[in-house]
């Protein structure tokens, strides 16, 4: 406590404003800055980009706490921000999103007709290809990418496109007869067939809307998010209360469970994807009661995930433990599962998964890393051997976990793998760029894809992993170098106060150090107030 009081005094001496009204903001009632030079060791204040206000009478708010914590740590270490290699700097990943990712998803053909009816199948050059059917889960992934684009850049047109996609999903993908969502639509938005409804599809239909809800509290997005959650956690349909897990799938009428592989086992992704694609966002973008519900769901499904952790590995199917080469037993799903448990623990009062994260996280990263290729491998072939090469989504999951857990040694490794992401996966040969799906051990493309090949945009690949990877690397870059990350939100001021609404640095923790309430913008027929927030991110 004495240490913190000393630092508070040092911050005042460094030139911060007092706030006798206890508002948590400066403004016309604030005492003028004290114009004195910072004491020795406090030069770090400028580099930390922290401008808090001090309430002389009341407890200090989160902005001051962030400043105090940052200065205590920096002074104790007697060092400034970490100087990162270019491949880990946050500006590198913001530029990557803007130059390499967003152009592919914002072209006129990508946005569909009408806007929001995003085509599922497009060529390597971005042109629309056959078949013309739409997969709601893929429309939702593009919604997510566009919402991330707004979150990172503040371009309100991106949020407008994301909202249009969300509206299309609510209008066309929802099954008004049986509940849940249709698996396929025709080019006009009409349902195609009576396909089984999988847990994975339901989670991914909720992905984009839950991200739109996260950045804007949009009521349509919240409704689709809740619809997906309610179906997955309903004990009369998807949720198996006796087993404490989500079922793999249900038939089209939601009257009978479906074993997707007819193998008698439970699927890892039926637990994992609802966590990472839906609930982690819902817990921060929904009204309080629904957010608390999502928080409880995270714990429930986190416990269900633990059943797949055994023998130092995360297995893809419950009855295939020890079977290397089994479905979804790969580094992408395994590392994503560890990341999910790490993030859940940060949300709940009593963390329950730290031992699983500690036992599996770095060990799996070490097994997945190929020091000769300086890249991530695809899957384990045994407890000590791997299949080299990687797919874009799996490589992204490895980078994201390494970025989250990284110490200095981990950052050195990440600098290499991240650099290869930029040089290997980015399609610099075509104007709209985006990522190729797969590389070999040394970064070569595994196929000579022609312009009309749909390997870049199809029933399983859209903008989700590429945009989330850019966002996580941007936030991790700021966290590693000790600087504040700027993110953008848009709120309806008639229902959510732009000055006080709780906002977050994506799925991570951290401290808000500044908030700027800006102009209004018209988005999807709503008048929204644009808000910029600076966060000191805690991974």
Protein backbone atom coordinates (compact mmCIF):
# COMPACT_ATOMS: atom_id res chain seq x y z
CA UNK A 1 0.00 0.00 0.00
CA UNK A 2 2.79 2.43 0.89
CA UNK A 3 4.46 1.61 -2.40
CA UNK A 4 1.24 2.43 -4.29
CA UNK A 5 0.75 5.69 -2.39
CA UNK A 6 4.26 6.75 -3.28
CA UNK A 7 3.60 5.99 -6.93
CA UNK A 8 0.31 7.92 -6.88
CA UNK A 9 2.26 10.88 -5.59
CA UNK A 10 4.86 10.41 -8.29
CA UNK A 11 2.15 10.37 -10.95
CA UNK A 12 0.83 13.68 -9.63
CA UNK A 13 4.35 15.07 -9.70
CA UNK A 14 4.71 13.83 -13.26
CA UNK A 15 1.87 16.09 -14.35
CA UNK A 16 -1.50 14.35 -14.08
CA UNK A 17 -4.78 16.15 -13.35
CA UNK A 18 -6.72 15.95 -10.09
CA UNK A 19 -10.43 15.25 -10.09
CA UNK A 20 -12.05 16.66 -6.95
CA UNK A 21 -15.53 15.73 -8.15
CA UNK A 22 -14.67 12.03 -8.26
CA UNK A 23 -15.95 11.67 -11.80
CA UNK A 24 -13.12 9.54 -13.08
CA UNK A 25 -12.57 12.06 -15.89
CA UNK A 26 -10.70 15.37 -16.11
CA UNK A 27 -12.61 18.23 -17.65
CA UNK A 28 -13.48 21.79 -16.61
CA UNK A 29 -13.55 21.02 -12.87
CA UNK A 30 -10.14 19.40 -12.79
CA UNK A 31 -7.20 21.04 -11.05
CA UNK A 32 -4.60 22.27 -13.50
CA UNK A 33 -1.62 20.07 -14.30
CA UNK A 34 1.33 20.36 -11.96
CA UNK A 35 4.19 21.47 -14.18
CA UNK A 36 7.21 19.78 -12.69
CA UNK A 37 9.72 17.43 -14.21
CA UNK A 38 9.11 13.75 -13.44
CA UNK A 39 11.35 12.27 -10.77
CA UNK A 40 14.11 9.87 -11.84
CA UNK A 41 12.69 6.60 -13.14
CA UNK A 42 9.28 8.12 -14.01
CA UNK A 43 10.18 8.85 -17.61
CA UNK A 44 8.33 5.60 -18.35
CA UNK A 45 5.04 7.46 -17.89
CA UNK A 46 5.31 9.09 -21.27
CA UNK A 47 6.06 5.84 -23.03
CA UNK A 48 3.20 4.06 -21.25
CA UNK A 49 0.73 6.57 -22.74
CA UNK A 50 -1.23 6.72 -19.47
CA UNK A 51 -3.14 9.91 -18.68
CA UNK A 52 -5.24 9.13 -15.60
CA UNK A 53 -7.06 11.48 -13.27
CA UNK A 54 -6.77 11.43 -9.50
CA UNK A 55 -9.72 11.71 -7.15
CA UNK A 56 -8.40 13.33 -3.98
CA UNK A 57 -11.32 12.17 -1.86
CA UNK A 58 -12.48 8.78 -3.15
CA UNK A 59 -11.00 5.42 -4.03
CA UNK A 60 -9.00 5.43 -7.24
CA UNK A 61 -10.80 4.22 -10.35
CA UNK A 62 -9.61 1.69 -12.89
CA UNK A 63 -7.73 4.25 -15.00
CA UNK A 64 -5.59 5.29 -12.05
CA UNK A 65 -5.14 1.68 -10.97
CA UNK A 66 -3.83 0.91 -14.43
CA UNK A 67 -1.41 3.80 -14.28
CA UNK A 68 -0.22 2.89 -10.80
CA UNK A 69 0.25 -0.78 -11.66
CA UNK A 70 2.08 0.05 -14.87
CA UNK A 71 4.40 2.54 -13.21
CA UNK A 72 5.08 0.27 -10.21
CA UNK A 73 6.07 -2.52 -12.56
CA UNK A 74 8.14 -0.30 -14.83
CA UNK A 75 9.96 1.46 -12.00
CA UNK A 76 10.63 -1.82 -10.22
CA UNK A 77 12.15 -3.21 -13.38
CA UNK A 78 13.90 0.10 -14.16
CA UNK A 79 13.06 -0.39 -17.80
CA UNK A 80 10.80 1.09 -20.44
CA UNK A 81 8.63 -0.67 -23.00
CA UNK A 82 10.03 -3.80 -24.55
CA UNK A 83 11.41 -3.28 -28.05
CA UNK A 84 9.83 -6.02 -30.16
CA UNK A 85 10.94 -7.35 -33.53
CA UNK A 86 8.87 -6.05 -36.42
CA UNK A 87 6.90 -9.29 -36.75
CA UNK A 88 5.49 -8.85 -33.23
CA UNK A 89 4.78 -5.13 -33.27
CA UNK A 90 1.10 -4.22 -33.09
CA UNK A 91 1.32 -1.84 -36.04
CA UNK A 92 2.47 -4.75 -38.20
CA UNK A 93 -0.74 -6.63 -37.47
CA UNK A 94 -3.02 -3.65 -37.94
CA UNK A 95 -1.43 -3.09 -41.36
CA UNK A 96 -1.75 -6.83 -42.11
CA UNK A 97 -5.47 -6.72 -41.40
CA UNK A 98 -5.99 -3.64 -43.56
CA UNK A 99 -3.77 -4.67 -46.47
CA UNK A 100 -3.87 -8.47 -46.55
CA UNK A 101 -7.21 -9.51 -45.05
CA UNK A 102 -10.02 -6.95 -45.34
CA UNK A 103 -9.83 -6.28 -49.11
CA UNK A 104 -10.93 -9.84 -49.88
CA UNK A 105 -13.99 -9.55 -47.62
CA UNK A 106 -15.08 -6.02 -48.54
CA UNK A 107 -15.12 -6.17 -52.36
CA UNK A 108 -18.51 -5.63 -53.97
CA UNK A 109 -18.91 -9.34 -54.81
CA UNK A 110 -17.84 -10.35 -51.30
CA UNK A 111 -20.60 -8.28 -49.72
CA UNK A 112 -23.30 -10.00 -51.76
CA UNK A 113 -26.60 -8.84 -53.17
CA UNK A 114 -28.22 -7.54 -51.13
CA UNK A 115 -25.40 -6.64 -48.78
CA UNK A 116 -25.26 -9.31 -46.09
CA UNK A 117 -26.01 -12.23 -48.42
CA UNK A 118 -22.32 -13.12 -48.50
CA UNK A 119 -21.36 -15.79 -51.07
CA UNK A 120 -19.87 -18.94 -49.55
CA UNK A 121 -17.80 -20.02 -52.55
CA UNK A 122 -15.34 -17.59 -54.13
CA UNK A 123 -12.19 -18.06 -56.15
CA UNK A 124 -8.62 -17.31 -55.20
CA UNK A 125 -9.05 -13.99 -57.05
CA UNK A 126 -12.26 -13.19 -55.15
CA UNK A 127 -14.75 -13.93 -57.94
CA UNK A 128 -17.98 -15.75 -57.09
CA UNK A 129 -17.83 -19.45 -57.95
CA UNK A 130 -20.24 -22.36 -57.89
CA UNK A 131 -22.05 -23.82 -56.10
CA UNK A 132 -24.30 -20.86 -55.37
CA UNK A 133 -25.60 -22.24 -52.07
CA UNK A 134 -24.90 -20.32 -48.87
CA UNK A 135 -23.72 -21.83 -45.60
CA UNK A 136 -24.98 -19.75 -42.66
CA UNK A 137 -21.96 -20.70 -40.60
CA UNK A 138 -19.74 -19.16 -43.30
CA UNK A 139 -21.82 -16.01 -43.65
CA UNK A 140 -21.34 -15.67 -39.90
CA UNK A 141 -17.57 -16.06 -40.18
CA UNK A 142 -17.46 -13.18 -42.64
CA UNK A 143 -19.63 -11.15 -40.25
CA UNK A 144 -16.98 -11.80 -37.61
CA UNK A 145 -14.16 -10.62 -39.88
CA UNK A 146 -15.98 -7.41 -40.69
CA UNK A 147 -16.74 -6.75 -37.00
CA UNK A 148 -13.06 -7.30 -36.18
CA UNK A 149 -12.22 -4.85 -38.93
CA UNK A 150 -14.35 -2.22 -37.23
CA UNK A 151 -12.97 -3.06 -33.79
CA UNK A 152 -9.40 -2.51 -34.98
CA UNK A 153 -9.86 0.38 -37.43
CA UNK A 154 -12.98 2.29 -36.38
CA UNK A 155 -14.35 2.20 -39.95
CA UNK A 156 -18.11 2.27 -39.32
CA UNK A 157 -18.90 0.98 -42.82
CA UNK A 158 -17.40 -2.36 -41.79
CA UNK A 159 -19.77 -2.55 -38.84
CA UNK A 160 -22.63 -1.72 -41.21
CA UNK A 161 -21.72 -4.66 -43.44
CA UNK A 162 -21.42 -6.93 -40.39
CA UNK A 163 -24.82 -5.82 -39.16
CA UNK A 164 -26.32 -6.53 -42.60
CA UNK A 165 -24.93 -10.06 -42.50
CA UNK A 166 -26.35 -10.53 -39.02
CA UNK A 167 -29.78 -9.37 -40.18
CA UNK A 168 -29.60 -11.79 -43.14
CA UNK A 169 -28.84 -14.65 -40.75
CA UNK A 170 -31.76 -13.81 -38.49
CA UNK A 171 -34.16 -13.46 -41.40
CA UNK A 172 -33.08 -16.42 -43.52
CA UNK A 173 -31.03 -18.90 -41.46
CA UNK A 174 -33.39 -19.25 -38.51
CA UNK A 175 -35.63 -22.32 -38.75
CA UNK A 176 -39.04 -20.98 -37.79
CA UNK A 177 -40.61 -24.44 -37.90
CA UNK A 178 -38.30 -26.60 -35.80
CA UNK A 179 -35.96 -24.14 -34.14
CA UNK A 180 -32.25 -23.66 -34.55
CA UNK A 181 -30.69 -22.78 -37.89
CA UNK A 182 -30.76 -24.19 -41.39
CA UNK A 183 -27.48 -25.72 -42.54
CA UNK A 184 -27.77 -24.52 -46.15
CA UNK A 185 -29.56 -21.77 -48.06
CA UNK A 186 -29.94 -21.09 -51.76
CA UNK A 187 -28.62 -17.88 -53.30
CA UNK A 188 -31.87 -16.12 -52.42
CA UNK A 189 -31.82 -17.15 -48.77
CA UNK A 190 -34.31 -20.02 -48.94
CA UNK A 191 -33.57 -23.21 -46.97
CA UNK A 192 -32.15 -26.18 -48.85
CA UNK A 193 -33.03 -29.64 -47.59
CA UNK A 194 -33.53 -31.06 -44.12
CA UNK A 195 -29.93 -31.49 -43.02
CA UNK A 196 -28.88 -32.57 -39.55
CA UNK A 197 -28.08 -29.68 -37.22
CA UNK A 198 -24.63 -29.88 -35.68
CA UNK A 199 -23.33 -28.24 -32.53
CA UNK A 200 -20.41 -26.90 -34.54
CA UNK A 201 -22.72 -25.21 -37.06
CA UNK A 202 -24.85 -23.67 -34.30
CA UNK A 203 -21.81 -22.24 -32.55
CA UNK A 204 -20.46 -20.76 -35.77
CA UNK A 205 -23.80 -19.26 -36.80
CA UNK A 206 -23.56 -17.40 -33.48
CA UNK A 207 -19.92 -16.38 -34.03
CA UNK A 208 -20.42 -13.27 -36.14
CA UNK A 209 -23.51 -11.98 -34.35
CA UNK A 210 -21.84 -12.44 -30.96
CA UNK A 211 -18.94 -10.29 -32.20
CA UNK A 212 -21.32 -7.63 -33.50
CA UNK A 213 -22.98 -7.67 -30.07
CA UNK A 214 -19.54 -7.35 -28.48
CA UNK A 215 -18.64 -4.19 -30.40
CA UNK A 216 -22.07 -2.55 -30.59
CA UNK A 217 -24.66 -4.25 -28.33
CA UNK A 218 -26.83 -4.55 -31.44
CA UNK A 219 -30.22 -6.05 -30.43
CA UNK A 220 -30.52 -8.24 -33.55
CA UNK A 221 -27.02 -9.59 -32.95
CA UNK A 222 -27.86 -10.25 -29.32
CA UNK A 223 -31.03 -12.10 -30.34
CA UNK A 224 -29.17 -14.42 -32.76
CA UNK A 225 -26.43 -14.96 -30.18
CA UNK A 226 -28.97 -15.94 -27.54
CA UNK A 227 -30.81 -18.19 -29.99
CA UNK A 228 -27.61 -20.11 -30.65
CA UNK A 229 -26.77 -20.34 -26.96
CA UNK A 230 -30.25 -21.47 -25.94
CA UNK A 231 -30.30 -24.28 -28.49
CA UNK A 232 -26.86 -25.58 -27.53
CA UNK A 233 -27.55 -25.55 -23.80
CA UNK A 234 -31.15 -26.81 -23.96
CA UNK A 235 -31.42 -30.19 -22.15
CA UNK A 236 -34.38 -31.16 -24.37
CA UNK A 237 -32.23 -30.89 -27.50
CA UNK A 238 -28.46 -30.45 -27.63
CA UNK A 239 -27.33 -30.50 -24.03
CA UNK A 240 -26.90 -33.93 -22.50
CA UNK A 241 -27.40 -33.22 -18.79
CA UNK A 242 -26.42 -36.73 -17.77
CA UNK A 243 -23.08 -36.57 -19.54
CA UNK A 244 -22.58 -32.86 -18.84
CA UNK A 245 -21.77 -32.07 -22.46
CA UNK A 246 -23.18 -30.83 -25.75
CA UNK A 247 -24.31 -33.53 -28.16
CA UNK A 248 -22.60 -33.73 -31.54
CA UNK A 249 -25.75 -33.12 -33.56
CA UNK A 250 -29.52 -33.38 -33.75
CA UNK A 251 -31.78 -34.25 -36.66
CA UNK A 252 -33.44 -31.43 -38.59
CA UNK A 253 -36.53 -31.43 -36.38
CA UNK A 254 -34.44 -31.45 -33.16
CA UNK A 255 -36.22 -34.59 -31.99
CA UNK A 256 -33.36 -37.12 -32.01
CA UNK A 257 -29.63 -37.05 -31.35
CA UNK A 258 -27.25 -37.86 -34.20
CA UNK A 259 -23.86 -39.53 -33.86
CA UNK A 260 -22.02 -37.78 -36.69
CA UNK A 261 -19.33 -40.40 -37.18
CA UNK A 262 -21.39 -43.36 -35.99
CA UNK A 263 -18.49 -44.17 -33.69
CA UNK A 264 -20.22 -43.90 -30.32
CA UNK A 265 -17.88 -41.14 -29.19
CA UNK A 266 -18.41 -37.53 -28.17
CA UNK A 267 -16.82 -34.81 -30.32
CA UNK A 268 -14.30 -32.36 -28.86
CA UNK A 269 -15.55 -29.60 -31.17
CA UNK A 270 -19.09 -29.89 -29.80
CA UNK A 271 -17.72 -28.51 -26.50
CA UNK A 272 -14.85 -26.38 -27.80
CA UNK A 273 -16.49 -24.39 -30.58
CA UNK A 274 -19.40 -23.12 -28.44
CA UNK A 275 -16.76 -21.72 -26.06
CA UNK A 276 -14.45 -20.00 -28.52
CA UNK A 277 -16.92 -19.08 -31.25
CA UNK A 278 -19.83 -17.98 -29.10
CA UNK A 279 -19.72 -17.86 -25.31
CA UNK A 280 -16.48 -15.93 -24.80
CA UNK A 281 -17.97 -13.09 -26.86
CA UNK A 282 -21.50 -13.44 -25.47
CA UNK A 283 -20.23 -13.10 -21.91
CA UNK A 284 -19.06 -9.58 -22.82
CA UNK A 285 -21.65 -8.44 -25.34
CA UNK A 286 -24.97 -9.53 -23.85
CA UNK A 287 -27.24 -7.94 -21.21
CA UNK A 288 -26.21 -8.72 -17.61
CA UNK A 289 -28.48 -11.72 -17.03
CA UNK A 290 -27.52 -13.38 -20.30
CA UNK A 291 -23.84 -12.55 -19.77
CA UNK A 292 -23.95 -14.28 -16.37
CA UNK A 293 -25.64 -17.24 -18.02
CA UNK A 294 -22.85 -17.40 -20.61
CA UNK A 295 -20.26 -17.26 -17.81
CA UNK A 296 -21.83 -20.29 -16.14
CA UNK A 297 -21.94 -22.06 -19.50
CA UNK A 298 -18.22 -21.43 -19.97
CA UNK A 299 -17.46 -23.28 -16.75
CA UNK A 300 -19.82 -26.12 -17.65
CA UNK A 301 -18.22 -26.64 -21.05
CA UNK A 302 -14.73 -26.08 -19.68
CA UNK A 303 -15.32 -29.04 -17.38
CA UNK A 304 -16.61 -31.02 -20.36
CA UNK A 305 -13.39 -30.18 -22.25
CA UNK A 306 -11.24 -31.73 -19.54
CA UNK A 307 -12.53 -35.18 -20.48
CA UNK A 308 -10.54 -34.87 -23.72
CA UNK A 309 -7.25 -34.05 -21.95
CA UNK A 310 -5.20 -37.20 -21.27
CA UNK A 311 -1.67 -38.54 -21.72
CA UNK A 312 -0.34 -35.06 -22.43
CA UNK A 313 -2.63 -34.63 -25.44
CA UNK A 314 -6.10 -33.25 -26.26
CA UNK A 315 -7.99 -35.94 -28.18
CA UNK A 316 -10.62 -35.23 -30.82
CA UNK A 317 -13.16 -37.90 -29.87
CA UNK A 318 -13.89 -39.18 -26.37
CA UNK A 319 -13.49 -42.87 -27.21
CA UNK A 320 -10.33 -42.37 -29.30
CA UNK A 321 -7.99 -41.43 -26.48
CA UNK A 322 -4.52 -42.62 -27.42
CA UNK A 323 -5.40 -42.90 -31.12
CA UNK A 324 -3.01 -40.66 -33.03
CA UNK A 325 -4.43 -39.71 -36.41
CA UNK A 326 -7.99 -39.79 -35.09
CA UNK A 327 -10.51 -37.15 -36.03
CA UNK A 328 -9.62 -33.68 -34.71
CA UNK A 329 -6.57 -34.95 -32.84
CA UNK A 330 -4.31 -32.24 -34.17
CA UNK A 331 -2.40 -29.25 -32.89
CA UNK A 332 -5.03 -26.73 -33.95
CA UNK A 333 -7.81 -28.17 -31.82
CA UNK A 334 -5.51 -29.15 -28.95
CA UNK A 335 -3.93 -25.70 -28.62
CA UNK A 336 -7.29 -23.99 -29.06
CA UNK A 337 -8.67 -26.09 -26.19
CA UNK A 338 -5.83 -25.01 -23.91
CA UNK A 339 -6.40 -21.37 -24.92
CA UNK A 340 -10.10 -21.73 -24.14
CA UNK A 341 -9.44 -23.00 -20.61
CA UNK A 342 -6.92 -20.21 -20.00
CA UNK A 343 -9.46 -17.59 -21.06
CA UNK A 344 -12.29 -19.13 -19.01
CA UNK A 345 -10.17 -19.06 -15.86
CA UNK A 346 -9.68 -15.31 -16.31
CA UNK A 347 -13.46 -14.76 -16.32
CA UNK A 348 -14.56 -16.62 -13.21
CA UNK A 349 -14.15 -15.94 -9.48
CA UNK A 350 -12.63 -19.35 -8.79
CA UNK A 351 -10.27 -20.51 -11.55
CA UNK A 352 -10.49 -24.25 -12.14
CA UNK A 353 -8.35 -25.00 -15.17
CA UNK A 354 -4.89 -23.63 -14.41
CA UNK A 355 -3.40 -27.08 -13.83
CA UNK A 356 -4.59 -28.34 -17.23
CA UNK A 357 -3.23 -25.22 -18.94
CA UNK A 358 0.08 -25.53 -17.13
CA UNK A 359 0.43 -29.24 -17.85
CA UNK A 360 -0.46 -29.07 -21.54
CA UNK A 361 0.06 -25.56 -22.90
CA UNK A 362 3.79 -25.08 -23.29
CA UNK A 363 4.46 -28.80 -23.70
CA UNK A 364 2.12 -29.00 -26.69
CA UNK A 365 3.59 -25.82 -28.15
CA UNK A 366 7.05 -27.33 -27.82
CA UNK A 367 5.92 -30.50 -29.60
CA UNK A 368 4.15 -28.52 -32.33
CA UNK A 369 7.11 -26.24 -33.05
CA UNK A 370 9.49 -27.37 -35.77
CA UNK A 371 12.86 -25.72 -35.03
CA UNK A 372 14.25 -26.71 -38.42
CA UNK A 373 11.38 -25.22 -40.37
CA UNK A 374 10.77 -22.45 -37.79
CA UNK A 375 7.05 -23.09 -38.25
CA UNK A 376 4.23 -24.98 -36.55
CA UNK A 377 3.54 -28.60 -37.44
CA UNK A 378 0.11 -29.97 -38.32
CA UNK A 379 -0.58 -32.87 -35.95
CA UNK A 380 1.14 -35.34 -33.62
CA UNK A 381 1.87 -38.79 -34.97
CA UNK A 382 3.02 -40.06 -31.58
CA UNK A 383 4.00 -38.58 -28.24
CA UNK A 384 7.28 -37.44 -29.77
CA UNK A 385 6.81 -37.21 -33.56
CA UNK A 386 4.73 -34.89 -35.76
CA UNK A 387 3.40 -34.40 -39.27
CA UNK A 388 5.05 -31.31 -40.73
CA UNK A 389 3.37 -28.55 -42.68
CA UNK A 390 0.26 -26.75 -41.48
CA UNK A 391 -3.15 -25.35 -42.39
CA UNK A 392 -3.86 -21.67 -41.85
CA UNK A 393 -6.39 -22.14 -39.04
CA UNK A 394 -4.20 -24.52 -37.06
CA UNK A 395 -1.15 -22.30 -37.46
CA UNK A 396 -3.25 -19.36 -36.23
CA UNK A 397 -4.31 -21.24 -33.10
CA UNK A 398 -0.67 -22.06 -32.32
CA UNK A 399 0.43 -18.44 -32.77
CA UNK A 400 -2.44 -17.24 -30.59
CA UNK A 401 -1.67 -19.56 -27.69
CA UNK A 402 2.06 -18.85 -27.93
CA UNK A 403 1.35 -15.11 -27.96
CA UNK A 404 -0.86 -15.48 -24.89
CA UNK A 405 1.55 -17.61 -22.83
CA UNK A 406 4.80 -16.19 -24.19
CA UNK A 407 7.75 -15.39 -21.99
CA UNK A 408 10.91 -13.95 -23.54
CA UNK A 409 11.86 -17.31 -25.07
CA UNK A 410 8.34 -17.80 -26.36
CA UNK A 411 8.42 -14.36 -27.96
CA UNK A 412 11.60 -15.28 -29.83
CA UNK A 413 9.86 -18.35 -31.25
CA UNK A 414 6.71 -16.36 -32.01
CA UNK A 415 8.72 -13.76 -33.90
CA UNK A 416 9.76 -16.51 -36.31
CA UNK A 417 6.40 -18.22 -36.72
CA UNK A 418 4.59 -14.90 -37.09
CA UNK A 419 7.06 -13.78 -39.69
CA UNK A 420 6.45 -16.92 -41.70
CA UNK A 421 2.69 -16.36 -41.44
CA UNK A 422 3.18 -13.05 -43.24
CA UNK A 423 5.51 -14.41 -45.90
CA UNK A 424 4.05 -17.88 -46.46
CA UNK A 425 0.28 -17.65 -46.12
CA UNK A 426 -0.45 -14.18 -47.51
CA UNK A 427 -1.35 -14.39 -51.20
CA UNK A 428 0.64 -11.43 -52.51
CA UNK A 429 0.15 -12.63 -56.10
CA UNK A 430 -3.47 -11.43 -56.32
CA UNK A 431 -4.86 -7.92 -55.68
CA UNK A 432 -7.38 -8.97 -53.01
CA UNK A 433 -4.75 -11.05 -51.21
CA UNK A 434 -6.04 -13.00 -48.11
CA UNK A 435 -4.46 -16.34 -47.14
CA UNK A 436 -3.79 -19.61 -48.90
CA UNK A 437 -5.02 -22.57 -46.86
CA UNK A 438 -1.93 -24.78 -46.50
CA UNK A 439 1.86 -24.73 -46.55
CA UNK A 440 4.56 -27.40 -46.36
CA UNK A 441 7.28 -27.66 -43.74
CA UNK A 442 9.37 -24.87 -45.23
CA UNK A 443 6.57 -22.52 -46.24
CA UNK A 444 5.87 -23.59 -49.80
CA UNK A 445 2.30 -23.66 -51.03
CA UNK A 446 1.03 -27.23 -51.23
CA UNK A 447 -0.90 -26.63 -54.45
CA UNK A 448 -0.76 -24.38 -57.50
CA UNK A 449 -4.23 -22.92 -57.03
CA UNK A 450 -5.83 -21.33 -60.08
CA UNK A 451 -7.89 -18.14 -59.86
CA UNK A 452 -11.20 -20.02 -59.89
CA UNK A 453 -10.19 -22.50 -57.17
CA UNK A 454 -12.30 -22.03 -54.02
CA UNK A 455 -9.55 -23.06 -51.59
CA UNK A 456 -9.52 -19.54 -50.13
CA UNK A 457 -13.27 -19.21 -49.55
CA UNK A 458 -15.54 -22.25 -49.23
CA UNK A 459 -17.75 -24.23 -46.86
CA UNK A 460 -14.97 -24.31 -44.22
CA UNK A 461 -12.72 -21.32 -44.94
CA UNK A 462 -13.78 -17.69 -44.57
CA UNK A 463 -12.43 -14.65 -42.73
CA UNK A 464 -12.66 -15.92 -39.14
CA UNK A 465 -9.20 -17.28 -38.40
CA UNK A 466 -7.31 -14.74 -40.47
CA UNK A 467 -8.99 -11.76 -38.81
CA UNK A 468 -8.89 -13.18 -35.27
CA UNK A 469 -5.20 -13.96 -35.68
CA UNK A 470 -4.55 -10.34 -36.69
CA UNK A 471 -6.54 -9.08 -33.69
CA UNK A 472 -4.84 -11.36 -31.16
CA UNK A 473 -1.38 -10.55 -32.51
CA UNK A 474 -2.20 -6.81 -32.37
CA UNK A 475 -3.34 -7.02 -28.76
CA UNK A 476 -0.49 -9.33 -27.74
CA UNK A 477 2.00 -6.97 -29.37
CA UNK A 478 0.78 -4.12 -27.21
CA UNK A 479 0.78 -6.32 -24.12
CA UNK A 480 4.33 -7.54 -24.75
CA UNK A 481 5.74 -4.07 -25.33
CA UNK A 482 3.76 -2.45 -22.50
CA UNK A 483 1.76 0.03 -24.59
CA UNK A 484 -1.96 0.71 -24.76
CA UNK A 485 -4.04 -0.88 -27.52
CA UNK A 486 -6.77 1.22 -29.12
CA UNK A 487 -10.06 -0.49 -29.97
CA UNK A 488 -13.29 0.90 -31.40
CA UNK A 489 -16.90 0.42 -30.35
CA UNK A 490 -20.28 1.87 -31.36
CA UNK A 491 -23.18 2.23 -28.93
CA UNK A 492 -26.78 3.41 -29.00
CA UNK A 493 -26.60 6.20 -26.44
CA UNK A 494 -30.31 5.84 -25.65
CA UNK A 495 -29.70 2.38 -24.19
CA UNK A 496 -25.96 2.19 -23.41
CA UNK A 497 -24.01 5.14 -22.00
CA UNK A 498 -20.92 5.58 -24.20
CA UNK A 499 -19.00 7.05 -21.25
CA UNK A 500 -19.64 4.18 -18.82
CA UNK A 501 -20.59 1.00 -20.72
CA UNK A 502 -18.23 -1.82 -19.76
CA UNK A 503 -15.97 -2.50 -22.75
CA UNK A 504 -13.15 -5.01 -23.09
CA UNK A 505 -9.98 -5.84 -25.05
CA UNK A 506 -11.59 -8.74 -26.93
CA UNK A 507 -11.30 -12.00 -24.95
CA UNK A 508 -8.48 -10.74 -22.74
CA UNK A 509 -8.29 -8.86 -19.47
CA UNK A 510 -6.69 -5.52 -18.86
CA UNK A 511 -7.19 -1.99 -17.67
CA UNK A 512 -8.88 0.83 -19.52
CA UNK A 513 -6.60 3.86 -19.48
CA UNK A 514 -8.48 6.27 -21.74
CA UNK A 515 -11.86 6.57 -23.43
CA UNK A 516 -12.84 9.04 -26.13
CA UNK A 517 -16.52 9.46 -26.98
CA UNK A 518 -16.78 10.65 -30.54
CA UNK A 519 -19.30 11.49 -33.23
CA UNK A 520 -22.37 9.52 -34.23
CA UNK A 521 -22.74 7.29 -37.28
CA UNK A 522 -25.72 5.68 -39.00
CA UNK A 523 -25.30 1.90 -38.90
CA UNK A 524 -28.08 -0.39 -40.06
CA UNK A 525 -30.72 2.28 -39.49
CA UNK A 526 -29.52 3.03 -35.96
CA UNK A 527 -27.73 6.12 -34.70
CA UNK A 528 -24.64 4.93 -32.85
CA UNK A 529 -22.03 6.85 -30.91
CA UNK A 530 -18.46 5.95 -31.79
CA UNK A 531 -16.16 5.22 -28.86
CA UNK A 532 -12.39 4.70 -28.82
CA UNK A 533 -10.87 2.95 -25.82
CA UNK A 534 -7.21 2.46 -24.92
CA UNK A 535 -6.43 -0.70 -22.95
CA UNK A 536 -3.37 -2.00 -21.19
CA UNK A 537 -3.96 -5.62 -22.14
CA UNK A 538 -3.41 -8.52 -19.77
CA UNK A 539 -2.97 -11.84 -21.53
